[in-house]
Amino acid sequence: MVWPCLAAAIAGLAIGLWFRVPFLLAAAFFVSIATIVMGRLSGWSYLSIFLSLLLLLAILQASYLVGLWAASRRSDLRSLRRPPSTK
């Protein structure tokens, strides 16, 4: 379960840095379907699938927020480095 959590964190961070909410919704849908299918194929109970799904979606969304924060900090730093225009 470590690798899916790591993949969700990296995906959420990347989505937060470069994309916006519609892409996050598509990723959450993909994570949901993949977790349900893999859980059923692995013979997990419904409770295990549900808890795994909650964990992966929470990680995806939390890392998305970290990505949004990093993107805003990056744009703030770029605006500080840009010299003021003189007219």
Protein backbone atom coordinates (compact mmCIF):
# COMPACT_ATOMS: atom_id res chain seq x y z
CA MET A 1 0.00 0.00 0.00
CA VAL A 2 3.06 2.26 0.22
CA TRP A 3 3.49 2.53 -3.56
CA PRO A 4 -0.10 3.59 -4.30
CA CYS A 5 0.13 6.19 -1.54
CA LEU A 6 3.39 7.52 -2.95
CA ALA A 7 1.92 7.60 -6.46
CA ALA A 8 -1.16 9.49 -5.22
CA ALA A 9 1.07 12.03 -3.43
CA ILE A 10 3.24 12.63 -6.49
CA ALA A 11 0.19 12.88 -8.75
CA GLY A 12 -1.54 15.34 -6.42
CA LEU A 13 1.56 17.50 -6.17
CA ALA A 14 1.99 17.56 -9.95
CA ILE A 15 -1.69 18.37 -10.50
CA GLY A 16 -1.47 21.21 -7.99
CA LEU A 17 1.63 22.65 -9.64
CA TRP A 18 0.51 22.53 -13.27
CA PHE A 19 -3.23 21.82 -13.49
CA ARG A 20 -6.42 22.84 -11.75
CA VAL A 21 -9.59 21.37 -10.23
CA PRO A 22 -11.10 19.62 -13.30
CA PHE A 23 -7.92 17.60 -13.68
CA LEU A 24 -8.03 16.77 -9.95
CA LEU A 25 -11.59 15.50 -10.32
CA ALA A 26 -10.56 13.26 -13.22
CA ALA A 27 -7.61 11.94 -11.21
CA ALA A 28 -9.86 11.26 -8.20
CA PHE A 29 -12.26 9.35 -10.44
CA PHE A 30 -9.37 7.30 -11.86
CA VAL A 31 -8.02 6.57 -8.36
CA SER A 32 -11.49 5.49 -7.22
CA ILE A 33 -12.05 3.12 -10.12
CA ALA A 34 -8.51 1.69 -9.92
CA THR A 35 -8.79 1.11 -6.16
CA ILE A 36 -12.15 -0.62 -6.43
CA VAL A 37 -11.05 -2.84 -9.32
CA MET A 38 -7.71 -3.77 -7.76
CA GLY A 39 -9.33 -4.38 -4.39
CA ARG A 40 -11.92 -6.72 -5.83
CA LEU A 41 -9.31 -8.57 -7.91
CA SER A 42 -7.12 -8.95 -4.82
CA GLY A 43 -10.00 -10.32 -2.76
CA TRP A 44 -10.15 -7.46 -0.25
CA SER A 45 -13.23 -6.92 1.85
CA TYR A 46 -15.50 -3.98 1.10
CA LEU A 47 -14.32 -2.25 4.26
CA SER A 48 -10.67 -2.57 3.23
CA ILE A 49 -11.46 -1.19 -0.21
CA PHE A 50 -13.40 1.71 1.30
CA LEU A 51 -10.64 2.59 3.78
CA SER A 52 -7.96 2.32 1.09
CA LEU A 53 -10.01 4.57 -1.16
CA LEU A 54 -10.43 7.16 1.58
CA LEU A 55 -6.71 7.10 2.32
CA LEU A 56 -5.67 7.48 -1.33
CA LEU A 57 -8.17 10.28 -2.00
CA ALA A 58 -7.09 12.14 1.14
CA ILE A 59 -3.44 11.87 0.12
CA LEU A 60 -4.26 12.99 -3.43
CA GLN A 61 -6.19 16.03 -2.25
CA ALA A 62 -3.74 17.03 0.48
CA SER A 63 -0.80 16.85 -1.89
CA TYR A 64 -2.85 18.83 -4.44
CA LEU A 65 -3.16 21.60 -1.85
CA VAL A 66 0.60 21.47 -1.26
CA GLY A 67 1.10 21.75 -5.02
CA LEU A 68 -1.21 24.77 -5.18
CA TRP A 69 0.70 26.41 -2.36
CA ALA A 70 4.03 25.71 -4.07
CA ALA A 71 2.73 27.09 -7.37
CA SER A 72 1.59 30.30 -5.70
CA ARG A 73 4.93 30.67 -3.93
CA ARG A 74 6.74 30.10 -7.21
CA SER A 75 4.72 32.83 -8.94
CA ASP A 76 5.31 35.19 -5.98
CA LEU A 77 9.05 34.64 -6.25
CA ARG A 78 8.97 35.27 -9.99
CA SER A 79 7.15 38.56 -9.50
CA LEU A 80 9.74 39.65 -6.92
CA ARG A 81 12.64 38.95 -9.28
CA ARG A 82 11.08 40.83 -12.19
CA PRO A 83 12.45 44.39 -12.37
CA PRO A 84 9.84 47.15 -12.31
CA SER A 85 9.06 48.60 -15.70
CA THR A 86 10.05 52.21 -16.24
CA LYS A 87 8.00 54.28 -18.61
